Amino acid sequence: MTQSDALYPLPTGRKPWNRWRVSDDHADLSRAGHRVRPLTIAARPKNLTLDVSRTALLVVDMQNDFCSAGGWLDHIGVDYRPARAPIEPLRAALPCFRRAGMPVIWVNWGNRPDLGNISPALLHVYNGSGNGVGLGEPVPTTGAAVLQSGSWGAAVVDELAVDQADIQVAKFRMSGFWDTPLDSILRNLGITTCLFAGVNADQCVLHTLADANFLGYDTLFLEDCCATTSPAFCWDATLYNARQIFGFTALASDVCRALEETQP
C-alpha cells in the first residue's frame, strides 16, 4: 500500500485511471495515467494497433427473437438461421476477450411493457400491415412479448452465457446509443475503441457502430462475429461502409490469436 492509498482508502470508479480517491475529509480528483497495452492485428483496409486497456466488445441483439427457433423472426417467416452464425465464433472469442480485461457489453432490445418510448414510425417498421406481430405483442407459439424486457424473446441465446462481470444495456432503437446510457458507460470505462459483434449487421450493428463513430470512438467490425438475415448485398454494403467511412473490419479469431501471442 502506498502513502497515497493509506491517505485515501476509498477509491471510487470502475477503472484505475478514472477514479477519485477519497477519505472522510478530502477528495483527490487527480487521475493516474494508465498503462498502454498495444495490440497489432490484421485488419482491412489496413492493419492496425489498438490499446487493449481502452477497448471494449459490444455484442448487439444476439437474442432469441432474432436467433432462435420459435422466436419472433421465425414466427413471421424470416429464416433466422443466418443470425446464428456468430454464436460459435463468439463462444470462442468471449473468454479470450474477458481474460484480456476487455469489457463485454451486451446491447439488446429490451422494450418497456407499455412501449411508452416507442414511436409510431418504429412500430410501423416491425408491423407494416398493422395486422401482424410487432414490438411488444405476444408471439402465438410462445406467448412471449416481442423483445420486451425480461421476456424469453429478449434474452440472450442460451449458447452465449452472459458473465457476471459483463455489462448489459437495453436499447430501444436500431442504435444502441439512442436513449440509453451506453455512451456514459463507455466514457466512464475510459474506452476509446469499440469492437462490434451481433445481428443484424446492416441494421442494429451498423447503426450502433455509426453512432459510435460520430461520437468519436474508434470502431472495428468483427466479420466472423456478425451476420444478417438481409440479402447479401446488404452485407457487402456494410463491409464497404465499415472500411470506407467508419473504420475497419477484422476477424475476432485474429484478435484472439494476437492477444494469446502477446499477453502474459
C-alpha atoms as a PDB file:
ATOM      1  CA  MET A   1       0.000   0.000   0.000  1.00  0.00           C
ATOM      2  CA  THR A   2       1.353   3.414  -0.957  1.00  0.00           C
ATOM      3  CA  GLN A   3       1.219   6.504   1.205  1.00  0.00           C
ATOM      4  CA  SER A   4      -1.478   7.875  -1.117  1.00  0.00           C
ATOM      5  CA  ASP A   5      -3.533   4.688  -0.762  1.00  0.00           C
ATOM      6  CA  ALA A   6      -3.324   4.962   3.012  1.00  0.00           C
ATOM      7  CA  LEU A   7      -4.380   8.605   2.857  1.00  0.00           C
ATOM      8  CA  TYR A   8      -7.346   7.925   0.552  1.00  0.00           C
ATOM      9  CA  PRO A   9      -8.542   4.369   1.311  1.00  0.00           C
ATOM     10  CA  LEU A  10     -11.833   4.541  -0.601  1.00  0.00           C
ATOM     11  CA  PRO A  11     -11.283   4.687  -4.387  1.00  0.00           C
ATOM     12  CA  THR A  12     -14.440   5.404  -6.383  1.00  0.00           C
ATOM     13  CA  GLY A  13     -14.734   4.398 -10.024  1.00  0.00           C
ATOM     14  CA  ARG A  14     -14.565   1.234 -12.085  1.00  0.00           C
ATOM     15  CA  LYS A  15     -11.188   1.832 -13.764  1.00  0.00           C
ATOM     16  CA  PRO A  16      -7.932   2.806 -12.004  1.00  0.00           C
ATOM     17  CA  TRP A  17      -7.334   5.761 -14.336  1.00  0.00           C
ATOM     18  CA  ASN A  18     -10.828   7.189 -13.801  1.00  0.00           C
ATOM     19  CA  ARG A  19     -11.195   7.212 -10.040  1.00  0.00           C
ATOM     20  CA  TRP A  20     -11.385   9.735  -7.290  1.00  0.00           C
ATOM     21  CA  ARG A  21      -9.551   8.821  -4.105  1.00  0.00           C
ATOM     22  CA  VAL A  22     -11.470   9.866  -1.035  1.00  0.00           C
ATOM     23  CA  SER A  23     -11.325   9.909   2.730  1.00  0.00           C
ATOM     24  CA  ASP A  24     -13.664  11.325   5.343  1.00  0.00           C
ATOM     25  CA  ASP A  25     -12.249  14.826   4.967  1.00  0.00           C
ATOM     26  CA  HIS A  26     -10.711  15.008   1.489  1.00  0.00           C
ATOM     27  CA  ALA A  27     -11.298  14.067  -2.147  1.00  0.00           C
ATOM     28  CA  ASP A  28      -8.422  13.733  -4.611  1.00  0.00           C
ATOM     29  CA  LEU A  29      -9.801  14.332  -8.126  1.00  0.00           C
ATOM     30  CA  SER A  30      -6.488  13.839  -9.929  1.00  0.00           C
ATOM     31  CA  ARG A  31      -6.365  10.824 -12.238  1.00  0.00           C
ATOM     32  CA  ALA A  32      -3.436   8.496 -12.586  1.00  0.00           C
ATOM     33  CA  GLY A  33      -2.284   7.626 -16.079  1.00  0.00           C
ATOM     34  CA  HIS A  34      -2.994   4.199 -17.497  1.00  0.00           C
ATOM     35  CA  ARG A  35      -0.610   1.647 -18.955  1.00  0.00           C
ATOM     36  CA  VAL A  36      -0.975   1.392 -22.716  1.00  0.00           C
ATOM     37  CA  ARG A  37      -1.313  -2.224 -23.880  1.00  0.00           C
ATOM     38  CA  PRO A  38      -0.732  -2.078 -27.651  1.00  0.00           C
ATOM     39  CA  LEU A  39      -2.034  -4.927 -29.794  1.00  0.00           C
ATOM     40  CA  THR A  40      -1.348  -5.146 -33.539  1.00  0.00           C
ATOM     41  CA  ILE A  41      -3.868  -7.122 -35.588  1.00  0.00           C
ATOM     42  CA  ALA A  42      -4.654  -7.914 -39.204  1.00  0.00           C
ATOM     43  CA  ALA A  43      -7.499  -5.712 -40.429  1.00  0.00           C
ATOM     44  CA  ARG A  44      -8.962  -4.105 -43.540  1.00  0.00           C
ATOM     45  CA  PRO A  45      -8.375  -1.753 -45.263  1.00  0.00           C
ATOM     46  CA  LYS A  46      -5.081  -1.782 -43.318  1.00  0.00           C
ATOM     47  CA  ASN A  47      -3.573  -3.468 -40.301  1.00  0.00           C
ATOM     48  CA  LEU A  48      -3.913  -1.574 -37.050  1.00  0.00           C
ATOM     49  CA  THR A  49      -2.714  -1.287 -33.477  1.00  0.00           C
ATOM     50  CA  LEU A  50      -5.231  -0.761 -30.688  1.00  0.00           C
ATOM     51  CA  ASP A  51      -4.895  -0.244 -26.947  1.00  0.00           C
ATOM     52  CA  VAL A  52      -6.318  -3.308 -25.198  1.00  0.00           C
ATOM     53  CA  SER A  53      -6.798  -1.340 -21.983  1.00  0.00           C
ATOM     54  CA  ARG A  54      -9.148   1.068 -23.773  1.00  0.00           C
ATOM     55  CA  THR A  55     -11.044  -1.425 -25.929  1.00  0.00           C
ATOM     56  CA  ALA A  56     -14.493  -2.956 -25.342  1.00  0.00           C
ATOM     57  CA  LEU A  57     -16.559  -5.570 -27.162  1.00  0.00           C
ATOM     58  CA  LEU A  58     -20.170  -4.607 -27.930  1.00  0.00           C
ATOM     59  CA  VAL A  59     -22.435  -7.583 -28.735  1.00  0.00           C
ATOM     60  CA  VAL A  60     -25.680  -6.481 -30.380  1.00  0.00           C
ATOM     61  CA  ASP A  61     -29.024  -8.322 -30.429  1.00  0.00           C
ATOM     62  CA  MET A  62     -27.923 -11.944 -30.041  1.00  0.00           C
ATOM     63  CA  GLN A  63     -31.416 -12.617 -28.687  1.00  0.00           C
ATOM     64  CA  ASN A  64     -33.947 -15.415 -29.008  1.00  0.00           C
ATOM     65  CA  ASP A  65     -36.398 -13.338 -31.019  1.00  0.00           C
ATOM     66  CA  PHE A  66     -33.758 -12.903 -33.709  1.00  0.00           C
ATOM     67  CA  CYS A  67     -31.697 -16.074 -33.437  1.00  0.00           C
ATOM     68  CA  SER A  68     -33.806 -18.956 -32.109  1.00  0.00           C
ATOM     69  CA  ALA A  69     -36.477 -21.352 -33.316  1.00  0.00           C
ATOM     70  CA  GLY A  70     -39.848 -20.171 -32.029  1.00  0.00           C
ATOM     71  CA  GLY A  71     -38.640 -16.598 -31.802  1.00  0.00           C
ATOM     72  CA  TRP A  72     -40.202 -13.605 -33.463  1.00  0.00           C
ATOM     73  CA  LEU A  73     -38.337 -13.782 -36.787  1.00  0.00           C
ATOM     74  CA  ASP A  74     -39.096 -17.483 -37.054  1.00  0.00           C
ATOM     75  CA  HIS A  75     -42.781 -16.805 -36.417  1.00  0.00           C
ATOM     76  CA  ILE A  76     -43.098 -14.133 -39.101  1.00  0.00           C
ATOM     77  CA  GLY A  77     -41.434 -16.350 -41.710  1.00  0.00           C
ATOM     78  CA  VAL A  78     -37.910 -14.954 -41.770  1.00  0.00           C
ATOM     79  CA  ASP A  79     -35.135 -17.555 -41.990  1.00  0.00           C
ATOM     80  CA  TYR A  80     -33.478 -16.917 -38.626  1.00  0.00           C
ATOM     81  CA  ARG A  81     -30.673 -19.420 -39.183  1.00  0.00           C
ATOM     82  CA  PRO A  82     -28.171 -16.941 -40.690  1.00  0.00           C
ATOM     83  CA  ALA A  83     -28.449 -14.928 -37.463  1.00  0.00           C
ATOM     84  CA  ARG A  84     -26.985 -17.890 -35.582  1.00  0.00           C
ATOM     85  CA  ALA A  85     -23.699 -17.745 -37.486  1.00  0.00           C
ATOM     86  CA  PRO A  86     -21.960 -15.535 -34.869  1.00  0.00           C
ATOM     87  CA  ILE A  87     -22.732 -17.899 -31.983  1.00  0.00           C
ATOM     88  CA  GLU A  88     -19.771 -20.259 -32.289  1.00  0.00           C
ATOM     89  CA  PRO A  89     -17.187 -17.554 -33.118  1.00  0.00           C
ATOM     90  CA  LEU A  90     -18.428 -15.548 -30.132  1.00  0.00           C
ATOM     91  CA  ARG A  91     -18.285 -18.589 -27.842  1.00  0.00           C
ATOM     92  CA  ALA A  92     -14.632 -18.922 -28.781  1.00  0.00           C
ATOM     93  CA  ALA A  93     -13.820 -15.208 -28.557  1.00  0.00           C
ATOM     94  CA  LEU A  94     -15.616 -14.141 -25.383  1.00  0.00           C
ATOM     95  CA  PRO A  95     -13.342 -15.976 -22.903  1.00  0.00           C
ATOM     96  CA  CYS A  96     -10.304 -14.584 -24.710  1.00  0.00           C
ATOM     97  CA  PHE A  97     -11.563 -11.001 -24.517  1.00  0.00           C
ATOM     98  CA  ARG A  98     -12.532 -11.384 -20.876  1.00  0.00           C
ATOM     99  CA  ARG A  99      -9.125 -12.789 -19.948  1.00  0.00           C
ATOM    100  CA  ALA A 100      -7.545  -9.753 -21.600  1.00  0.00           C
ATOM    101  CA  GLY A 101      -9.639  -7.481 -19.377  1.00  0.00           C
ATOM    102  CA  MET A 102     -11.788  -6.092 -22.178  1.00  0.00           C
ATOM    103  CA  PRO A 103     -15.297  -5.122 -21.024  1.00  0.00           C
ATOM    104  CA  VAL A 104     -18.028  -7.140 -22.738  1.00  0.00           C
ATOM    105  CA  ILE A 105     -21.199  -5.088 -23.218  1.00  0.00           C
ATOM    106  CA  TRP A 106     -24.438  -6.721 -24.369  1.00  0.00           C
ATOM    107  CA  VAL A 107     -26.573  -4.180 -26.237  1.00  0.00           C
ATOM    108  CA  ASN A 108     -30.034  -5.703 -26.678  1.00  0.00           C
ATOM    109  CA  TRP A 109     -33.589  -4.703 -27.391  1.00  0.00           C
ATOM    110  CA  GLY A 110     -35.436  -4.513 -24.073  1.00  0.00           C
ATOM    111  CA  ASN A 111     -38.659  -2.614 -24.572  1.00  0.00           C
ATOM    112  CA  ARG A 112     -40.934  -1.321 -21.835  1.00  0.00           C
ATOM    113  CA  PRO A 113     -44.135  -3.358 -21.500  1.00  0.00           C
ATOM    114  CA  ASP A 114     -46.169  -0.225 -22.284  1.00  0.00           C
ATOM    115  CA  LEU A 115     -43.953   0.736 -25.272  1.00  0.00           C
ATOM    116  CA  GLY A 116     -44.069   4.239 -23.859  1.00  0.00           C
ATOM    117  CA  ASN A 117     -40.888   5.377 -25.605  1.00  0.00           C
ATOM    118  CA  ILE A 118     -41.538   3.670 -28.961  1.00  0.00           C
ATOM    119  CA  SER A 119     -42.764   5.927 -31.781  1.00  0.00           C
ATOM    120  CA  PRO A 120     -45.429   5.032 -34.369  1.00  0.00           C
ATOM    121  CA  ALA A 121     -42.729   5.160 -37.063  1.00  0.00           C
ATOM    122  CA  LEU A 122     -40.738   2.476 -35.254  1.00  0.00           C
ATOM    123  CA  LEU A 123     -43.818   0.335 -34.673  1.00  0.00           C
ATOM    124  CA  HIS A 124     -44.576   0.530 -38.394  1.00  0.00           C
ATOM    125  CA  VAL A 125     -41.113  -0.811 -39.262  1.00  0.00           C
ATOM    126  CA  TYR A 126     -41.912  -4.027 -37.444  1.00  0.00           C
ATOM    127  CA  ASN A 127     -45.585  -4.348 -38.348  1.00  0.00           C
ATOM    128  CA  GLY A 128     -46.176  -2.639 -41.661  1.00  0.00           C
ATOM    129  CA  SER A 129     -49.654  -4.029 -42.188  1.00  0.00           C
ATOM    130  CA  GLY A 130     -50.852  -3.275 -38.674  1.00  0.00           C
ATOM    131  CA  ASN A 131     -52.227  -6.804 -38.527  1.00  0.00           C
ATOM    132  CA  GLY A 132     -49.038  -8.705 -37.750  1.00  0.00           C
ATOM    133  CA  VAL A 133     -46.994  -9.368 -34.634  1.00  0.00           C
ATOM    134  CA  GLY A 134     -44.850  -6.348 -33.811  1.00  0.00           C
ATOM    135  CA  LEU A 135     -42.873  -4.992 -30.883  1.00  0.00           C
ATOM    136  CA  GLY A 136     -44.413  -5.873 -27.525  1.00  0.00           C
ATOM    137  CA  GLU A 137     -47.061  -8.167 -28.959  1.00  0.00           C
ATOM    138  CA  PRO A 138     -47.146 -11.856 -27.979  1.00  0.00           C
ATOM    139  CA  VAL A 139     -45.718 -14.438 -30.352  1.00  0.00           C
ATOM    140  CA  PRO A 140     -48.533 -17.011 -30.647  1.00  0.00           C
ATOM    141  CA  THR A 141     -46.218 -20.023 -30.448  1.00  0.00           C
ATOM    142  CA  THR A 142     -44.501 -18.969 -27.204  1.00  0.00           C
ATOM    143  CA  GLY A 143     -46.714 -16.290 -25.673  1.00  0.00           C
ATOM    144  CA  ALA A 144     -43.602 -14.160 -25.111  1.00  0.00           C
ATOM    145  CA  ALA A 145     -43.949 -10.458 -25.917  1.00  0.00           C
ATOM    146  CA  VAL A 146     -41.654  -9.461 -28.775  1.00  0.00           C
ATOM    147  CA  LEU A 147     -38.373  -8.030 -27.435  1.00  0.00           C
ATOM    148  CA  GLN A 148     -39.943  -6.979 -24.141  1.00  0.00           C
ATOM    149  CA  SER A 149     -37.503  -6.564 -21.281  1.00  0.00           C
ATOM    150  CA  GLY A 150     -37.442  -9.730 -19.166  1.00  0.00           C
ATOM    151  CA  SER A 151     -39.126 -11.916 -21.788  1.00  0.00           C
ATOM    152  CA  TRP A 152     -37.737 -15.082 -23.342  1.00  0.00           C
ATOM    153  CA  GLY A 153     -37.576 -13.358 -26.721  1.00  0.00           C
ATOM    154  CA  ALA A 154     -35.366 -10.571 -25.379  1.00  0.00           C
ATOM    155  CA  ALA A 155     -32.985 -12.942 -23.593  1.00  0.00           C
ATOM    156  CA  VAL A 156     -29.537 -13.675 -24.997  1.00  0.00           C
ATOM    157  CA  VAL A 157     -29.434 -17.090 -26.682  1.00  0.00           C
ATOM    158  CA  ASP A 158     -28.594 -19.958 -24.346  1.00  0.00           C
ATOM    159  CA  GLU A 159     -25.333 -20.761 -26.123  1.00  0.00           C
ATOM    160  CA  LEU A 160     -23.846 -17.374 -25.167  1.00  0.00           C
ATOM    161  CA  ALA A 161     -23.617 -17.171 -21.405  1.00  0.00           C
ATOM    162  CA  VAL A 162     -23.563 -13.642 -20.012  1.00  0.00           C
ATOM    163  CA  ASP A 163     -20.805 -13.398 -17.421  1.00  0.00           C
ATOM    164  CA  GLN A 164     -21.477 -11.759 -14.065  1.00  0.00           C
ATOM    165  CA  ALA A 165     -18.837  -9.135 -14.851  1.00  0.00           C
ATOM    166  CA  ASP A 166     -20.371  -8.266 -18.238  1.00  0.00           C
ATOM    167  CA  ILE A 167     -22.470  -5.133 -18.710  1.00  0.00           C
ATOM    168  CA  GLN A 168     -25.992  -5.195 -20.168  1.00  0.00           C
ATOM    169  CA  VAL A 169     -27.589  -2.188 -21.859  1.00  0.00           C
ATOM    170  CA  ALA A 170     -31.210  -2.173 -23.045  1.00  0.00           C
ATOM    171  CA  LYS A 171     -31.820  -0.313 -26.282  1.00  0.00           C
ATOM    172  CA  PHE A 172     -34.997   0.914 -27.936  1.00  0.00           C
ATOM    173  CA  ARG A 173     -33.852   1.870 -31.440  1.00  0.00           C
ATOM    174  CA  MET A 174     -31.636   0.478 -34.184  1.00  0.00           C
ATOM    175  CA  SER A 175     -28.779   2.313 -32.497  1.00  0.00           C
ATOM    176  CA  GLY A 176     -27.640   1.279 -29.042  1.00  0.00           C
ATOM    177  CA  PHE A 177     -26.675   4.853 -28.222  1.00  0.00           C
ATOM    178  CA  TRP A 178     -30.071   6.495 -28.645  1.00  0.00           C
ATOM    179  CA  ASP A 179     -31.944   6.987 -25.345  1.00  0.00           C
ATOM    180  CA  THR A 180     -29.549   4.666 -23.456  1.00  0.00           C
ATOM    181  CA  PRO A 181     -26.615   5.040 -21.009  1.00  0.00           C
ATOM    182  CA  LEU A 182     -24.163   3.313 -23.378  1.00  0.00           C
ATOM    183  CA  ASP A 183     -22.074   6.410 -24.111  1.00  0.00           C
ATOM    184  CA  SER A 184     -21.776   7.283 -20.414  1.00  0.00           C
ATOM    185  CA  ILE A 185     -20.732   3.724 -19.563  1.00  0.00           C
ATOM    186  CA  LEU A 186     -18.029   3.648 -22.232  1.00  0.00           C
ATOM    187  CA  ARG A 187     -16.644   7.018 -21.192  1.00  0.00           C
ATOM    188  CA  ASN A 188     -16.546   6.042 -17.519  1.00  0.00           C
ATOM    189  CA  LEU A 189     -14.641   2.907 -18.511  1.00  0.00           C
ATOM    190  CA  GLY A 190     -12.146   5.020 -20.447  1.00  0.00           C
ATOM    191  CA  ILE A 191     -12.976   3.225 -23.707  1.00  0.00           C
ATOM    192  CA  THR A 192     -11.764   4.708 -26.991  1.00  0.00           C
ATOM    193  CA  THR A 193     -12.080   1.662 -29.287  1.00  0.00           C
ATOM    194  CA  CYS A 194     -15.235  -0.410 -29.776  1.00  0.00           C
ATOM    195  CA  LEU A 195     -15.317  -3.867 -31.353  1.00  0.00           C
ATOM    196  CA  PHE A 196     -18.713  -4.811 -32.778  1.00  0.00           C
ATOM    197  CA  ALA A 197     -20.442  -8.200 -32.997  1.00  0.00           C
ATOM    198  CA  GLY A 198     -24.018  -9.390 -33.424  1.00  0.00           C
ATOM    199  CA  VAL A 199     -27.034  -9.059 -35.729  1.00  0.00           C
ATOM    200  CA  ASN A 200     -28.327  -7.713 -37.982  1.00  0.00           C
ATOM    201  CA  ALA A 201     -25.025  -6.479 -39.363  1.00  0.00           C
ATOM    202  CA  ASP A 202     -26.613  -3.941 -41.719  1.00  0.00           C
ATOM    203  CA  GLN A 203     -29.181  -2.686 -39.227  1.00  0.00           C
ATOM    204  CA  CYS A 204     -28.636  -2.535 -35.472  1.00  0.00           C
ATOM    205  CA  VAL A 205     -24.926  -3.386 -35.571  1.00  0.00           C
ATOM    206  CA  LEU A 206     -24.136  -0.850 -38.286  1.00  0.00           C
ATOM    207  CA  HIS A 207     -26.272   1.909 -36.794  1.00  0.00           C
ATOM    208  CA  THR A 208     -24.692   1.440 -33.366  1.00  0.00           C
ATOM    209  CA  LEU A 209     -21.246   1.395 -34.971  1.00  0.00           C
ATOM    210  CA  ALA A 210     -22.007   4.551 -36.957  1.00  0.00           C
ATOM    211  CA  ASP A 211     -23.183   6.407 -33.856  1.00  0.00           C
ATOM    212  CA  ALA A 212     -20.037   5.298 -32.038  1.00  0.00           C
ATOM    213  CA  ASN A 213     -18.003   6.779 -34.876  1.00  0.00           C
ATOM    214  CA  PHE A 214     -19.991  10.022 -34.768  1.00  0.00           C
ATOM    215  CA  LEU A 215     -19.349  10.238 -31.015  1.00  0.00           C
ATOM    216  CA  GLY A 216     -15.601   9.937 -31.528  1.00  0.00           C
ATOM    217  CA  TYR A 217     -14.938   6.264 -30.778  1.00  0.00           C
ATOM    218  CA  ASP A 218     -12.662   4.146 -32.955  1.00  0.00           C
ATOM    219  CA  THR A 219     -14.757   1.351 -34.477  1.00  0.00           C
ATOM    220  CA  LEU A 220     -13.898  -2.163 -35.625  1.00  0.00           C
ATOM    221  CA  PHE A 221     -16.471  -4.509 -37.199  1.00  0.00           C
ATOM    222  CA  LEU A 222     -15.752  -8.179 -36.407  1.00  0.00           C
ATOM    223  CA  GLU A 223     -16.714 -10.010 -39.599  1.00  0.00           C
ATOM    224  CA  ASP A 224     -16.777 -13.521 -38.150  1.00  0.00           C
ATOM    225  CA  CYS A 225     -18.953 -12.450 -35.202  1.00  0.00           C
ATOM    226  CA  CYS A 226     -21.580 -10.574 -37.214  1.00  0.00           C
ATOM    227  CA  ALA A 227     -24.346 -11.768 -39.540  1.00  0.00           C
ATOM    228  CA  THR A 228     -27.599 -10.675 -41.129  1.00  0.00           C
ATOM    229  CA  THR A 229     -30.862 -12.142 -42.368  1.00  0.00           C
ATOM    230  CA  SER A 230     -30.962  -9.419 -45.031  1.00  0.00           C
ATOM    231  CA  PRO A 231     -29.984 -10.006 -48.692  1.00  0.00           C
ATOM    232  CA  ALA A 232     -26.298 -10.481 -49.499  1.00  0.00           C
ATOM    233  CA  PHE A 233     -25.903  -7.021 -50.979  1.00  0.00           C
ATOM    234  CA  CYS A 234     -26.702  -5.552 -47.529  1.00  0.00           C
ATOM    235  CA  TRP A 235     -23.747  -7.443 -46.044  1.00  0.00           C
ATOM    236  CA  ASP A 236     -21.481  -6.242 -48.846  1.00  0.00           C
ATOM    237  CA  ALA A 237     -22.553  -2.632 -48.337  1.00  0.00           C
ATOM    238  CA  THR A 238     -21.995  -2.918 -44.594  1.00  0.00           C
ATOM    239  CA  LEU A 239     -18.429  -4.147 -45.071  1.00  0.00           C
ATOM    240  CA  TYR A 240     -17.783  -1.416 -47.623  1.00  0.00           C
ATOM    241  CA  ASN A 241     -19.018   1.343 -45.321  1.00  0.00           C
ATOM    242  CA  ALA A 242     -17.335  -0.081 -42.225  1.00  0.00           C
ATOM    243  CA  ARG A 243     -13.984   0.044 -44.045  1.00  0.00           C
ATOM    244  CA  GLN A 244     -14.525   3.148 -46.136  1.00  0.00           C
ATOM    245  CA  ILE A 245     -16.003   5.698 -43.732  1.00  0.00           C
ATOM    246  CA  PHE A 246     -16.404   4.258 -40.215  1.00  0.00           C
ATOM    247  CA  GLY A 247     -13.127   2.486 -39.505  1.00  0.00           C
ATOM    248  CA  PHE A 248     -12.005  -1.090 -40.024  1.00  0.00           C
ATOM    249  CA  THR A 249     -13.071  -4.707 -40.250  1.00  0.00           C
ATOM    250  CA  ALA A 250     -11.234  -7.699 -38.784  1.00  0.00           C
ATOM    251  CA  LEU A 251     -11.750 -11.225 -37.530  1.00  0.00           C
ATOM    252  CA  ALA A 252     -12.260 -11.915 -33.835  1.00  0.00           C
ATOM    253  CA  SER A 253     -10.157 -15.024 -34.299  1.00  0.00           C
ATOM    254  CA  ASP A 254      -7.227 -12.829 -35.393  1.00  0.00           C
ATOM    255  CA  VAL A 255      -7.728 -10.531 -32.398  1.00  0.00           C
ATOM    256  CA  CYS A 256      -7.691 -13.528 -30.044  1.00  0.00           C
ATOM    257  CA  ARG A 257      -4.644 -15.000 -31.716  1.00  0.00           C
ATOM    258  CA  ALA A 258      -2.764 -11.729 -31.282  1.00  0.00           C
ATOM    259  CA  LEU A 259      -3.891 -11.496 -27.655  1.00  0.00           C
ATOM    260  CA  GLU A 260      -2.713 -15.012 -26.900  1.00  0.00           C
ATOM    261  CA  GLU A 261       0.659 -14.345 -28.531  1.00  0.00           C
ATOM    262  CA  THR A 262       1.334 -11.036 -26.797  1.00  0.00           C
ATOM    263  CA  GLN A 263      -0.385 -11.106 -23.405  1.00  0.00           C
ATOM    264  CA  PRO A 264       1.396 -12.622 -20.391  1.00  0.00           C
END
